N, C-alpha and C. Protein backbone atom coordinates (compact mmCIF):
# COMPACT_ATOMS: atom_id res chain seq x y z
N MET A 1 34.18 -28.98 -0.94
CA MET A 1 33.80 -27.75 -1.40
C MET A 1 32.58 -27.76 -1.79
N ASP A 2 31.71 -28.84 -2.51
CA ASP A 2 30.84 -29.05 -3.20
C ASP A 2 29.70 -29.25 -2.17
N LEU A 3 30.00 -30.06 -0.95
CA LEU A 3 28.88 -30.21 0.08
C LEU A 3 28.51 -29.32 0.40
N SER A 4 29.40 -27.86 0.31
CA SER A 4 28.83 -26.83 1.82
C SER A 4 28.01 -26.23 0.60
N ILE A 5 28.01 -25.71 -0.77
CA ILE A 5 27.31 -24.99 -1.71
C ILE A 5 26.12 -25.62 -1.24
N VAL A 6 25.76 -27.09 -1.62
CA VAL A 6 24.74 -27.81 -1.67
C VAL A 6 23.61 -27.56 -0.26
N LEU A 7 24.71 -27.50 0.95
CA LEU A 7 24.06 -27.25 2.34
C LEU A 7 23.52 -25.80 2.32
N VAL A 8 24.91 -24.84 2.01
CA VAL A 8 24.54 -23.62 2.17
C VAL A 8 22.84 -23.25 1.40
N ALA A 9 23.10 -24.08 0.25
CA ALA A 9 21.72 -23.81 -0.56
C ALA A 9 20.49 -24.24 0.43
N ALA A 10 20.93 -25.17 0.73
CA ALA A 10 19.19 -26.06 1.47
C ALA A 10 19.37 -25.41 2.62
N VAL A 11 19.87 -24.87 3.65
CA VAL A 11 19.99 -23.57 4.10
C VAL A 11 18.69 -22.41 3.67
N LEU A 12 19.54 -22.09 2.65
CA LEU A 12 18.31 -20.84 2.38
C LEU A 12 17.38 -21.15 1.97
N ALA A 13 16.86 -22.43 1.16
CA ALA A 13 15.71 -22.71 1.00
C ALA A 13 14.56 -23.10 1.35
N SER A 14 15.73 -23.14 3.00
CA SER A 14 14.66 -23.95 4.22
C SER A 14 14.10 -22.26 4.57
N LEU A 15 15.20 -21.14 4.73
CA LEU A 15 14.65 -20.38 5.67
C LEU A 15 13.53 -19.65 4.59
N ALA A 16 13.52 -19.79 3.08
CA ALA A 16 12.88 -19.01 2.12
C ALA A 16 11.22 -19.64 2.63
N LEU A 17 11.06 -20.87 2.63
CA LEU A 17 10.34 -21.70 2.65
C LEU A 17 9.38 -20.96 4.08
N GLY A 18 9.99 -21.10 5.04
CA GLY A 18 9.80 -20.84 6.05
C GLY A 18 9.41 -19.48 6.70
N VAL A 19 9.89 -18.52 5.37
CA VAL A 19 9.22 -17.51 5.65
C VAL A 19 8.14 -16.75 4.90
N LEU A 20 7.84 -17.78 3.63
CA LEU A 20 6.75 -17.80 3.04
C LEU A 20 5.36 -18.60 3.76
N LEU A 21 5.93 -19.39 4.46
CA LEU A 21 4.88 -19.95 5.45
C LEU A 21 4.07 -19.29 6.27
N ALA A 22 5.24 -18.38 7.11
CA ALA A 22 4.67 -17.81 7.72
C ALA A 22 4.22 -16.30 7.87
N HIS A 23 4.60 -15.75 6.02
CA HIS A 23 3.31 -15.03 5.88
C HIS A 23 2.19 -15.43 5.42
N GLY A 24 2.29 -16.69 4.65
CA GLY A 24 0.70 -17.55 4.69
C GLY A 24 -0.04 -17.40 5.64
N ILE A 25 0.20 -17.77 6.71
CA ILE A 25 -0.27 -17.86 8.18
C ILE A 25 -0.35 -16.21 8.42
N CYS A 26 0.00 -15.41 8.40
CA CYS A 26 -0.59 -13.82 8.94
C CYS A 26 -1.65 -13.10 8.31
N VAL A 27 -1.07 -13.73 6.55
CA VAL A 27 -2.43 -13.27 5.61
C VAL A 27 -3.86 -13.36 6.50
N ALA A 28 -3.87 -15.25 6.40
CA ALA A 28 -5.10 -15.80 6.56
C ALA A 28 -5.35 -15.28 7.94
N MET A 29 -4.85 -14.84 8.97
CA MET A 29 -4.89 -14.63 10.25
C MET A 29 -5.71 -13.15 9.85
N PHE A 30 -4.99 -12.48 9.16
CA PHE A 30 -5.24 -11.06 9.36
C PHE A 30 -6.99 -11.08 8.43
N GLN A 31 -7.27 -11.94 7.59
CA GLN A 31 -8.43 -12.07 6.87
C GLN A 31 -9.25 -12.54 7.57
N ILE A 32 -8.75 -13.60 8.53
CA ILE A 32 -10.09 -13.85 9.56
C ILE A 32 -10.08 -12.86 10.57
N PHE A 33 -9.45 -11.49 10.72
CA PHE A 33 -9.89 -11.00 11.86
C PHE A 33 -10.86 -9.55 11.16
N ARG A 34 -10.68 -9.80 10.08
CA ARG A 34 -11.05 -8.90 9.12
C ARG A 34 -12.83 -9.06 9.21
N ILE A 35 -12.75 -10.61 8.88
CA ILE A 35 -14.86 -10.97 8.77
C ILE A 35 -14.75 -10.86 9.96
N HIS A 36 -14.26 -11.03 11.25
CA HIS A 36 -14.59 -11.13 12.41
C HIS A 36 -15.04 -9.48 13.00
N SER A 37 -14.06 -8.61 12.73
CA SER A 37 -14.40 -7.00 12.50
C SER A 37 -15.63 -6.64 11.98
N ARG A 38 -15.83 -7.00 10.90
CA ARG A 38 -17.06 -6.60 10.19
C ARG A 38 -18.52 -7.27 10.68
N GLN A 39 -17.97 -8.30 11.18
CA GLN A 39 -19.49 -8.85 12.10
C GLN A 39 -20.01 -8.11 13.20
N VAL A 40 -19.11 -7.96 14.14
CA VAL A 40 -18.96 -7.41 15.32
C VAL A 40 -19.35 -5.72 14.85
N ALA A 41 -18.99 -5.28 13.81
CA ALA A 41 -19.53 -3.31 13.22
C ALA A 41 -21.08 -3.47 12.76
N MET A 42 -21.55 -4.94 12.15
CA MET A 42 -22.39 -5.05 12.26
C MET A 42 -23.46 -5.37 12.83
N THR A 43 -23.09 -6.70 13.98
CA THR A 43 -24.13 -6.33 15.36
C THR A 43 -24.20 -4.96 16.23
N ARG A 44 -23.06 -4.32 16.27
CA ARG A 44 -23.33 -2.88 16.83
C ARG A 44 -24.08 -2.27 16.35
N SER A 45 -23.85 -1.83 14.99
CA SER A 45 -24.87 -1.23 13.87
C SER A 45 -26.42 -1.87 14.37
N ALA A 46 -26.55 -2.49 14.48
CA ALA A 46 -28.00 -3.28 14.50
C ALA A 46 -28.62 -3.00 15.94
N ARG A 47 -27.64 -3.45 17.23
CA ARG A 47 -28.23 -3.37 18.44
C ARG A 47 -28.46 -1.19 18.59
N THR A 48 -27.76 -0.38 17.97
CA THR A 48 -27.72 0.72 18.41
C THR A 48 -29.07 1.11 17.24
N ALA A 49 -29.49 0.71 16.45
CA ALA A 49 -30.48 1.15 15.58
C ALA A 49 -32.15 0.86 16.24
N MET A 50 -31.92 -0.41 17.35
CA MET A 50 -32.92 -0.67 17.93
C MET A 50 -33.09 -0.37 19.49
N LYS A 51 -31.92 0.44 19.66
CA LYS A 51 -32.52 1.13 21.11
C LYS A 51 -32.75 2.58 20.53
N PRO A 52 -33.32 2.80 22.04
CA PRO A 52 -34.28 4.41 21.31
C PRO A 52 -33.14 5.25 22.28
N ALA A 53 -33.55 6.38 21.40
CA ALA A 53 -32.00 7.64 22.01
C ALA A 53 -32.17 7.96 23.15
N VAL A 54 -31.38 8.49 23.91
CA VAL A 54 -31.67 8.86 25.00
C VAL A 54 -31.03 10.64 24.87
N THR A 55 -31.95 11.20 25.03
CA THR A 55 -31.95 13.29 25.04
C THR A 55 -31.75 13.50 26.56
N GLY A 56 -30.16 14.05 26.30
CA GLY A 56 -29.59 14.87 27.78
C GLY A 56 -29.63 13.67 28.88
N GLY A 57 -29.58 12.67 28.66
CA GLY A 57 -29.44 11.77 29.99
C GLY A 57 -30.17 11.85 30.90
N VAL A 58 -31.86 12.91 30.64
CA VAL A 58 -33.08 12.74 31.77
C VAL A 58 -33.77 12.24 31.51
N VAL A 59 -34.47 11.92 32.94
CA VAL A 59 -35.41 10.87 33.00
C VAL A 59 -36.26 11.80 33.31
N GLU A 60 -37.56 11.15 32.52
CA GLU A 60 -38.37 12.02 32.83
C GLU A 60 -39.45 11.10 33.62
N GLY A 61 -40.33 11.53 34.33
CA GLY A 61 -41.44 11.23 35.13
C GLY A 61 -41.48 11.01 36.32
């Protein structure tokens, strides 16, 4: 009986550790993606600021 209680406790502790580890990995990856998306947004806004405005798609000349 004592062995089964210890075994159940070990299984639950292992499960909890795995869930916490997976949560930490997900949070870290979302943080990395957030940094990347900010860099992409800054690059896009810099590119659009450098491009001349096209008026109506009509080319004169």
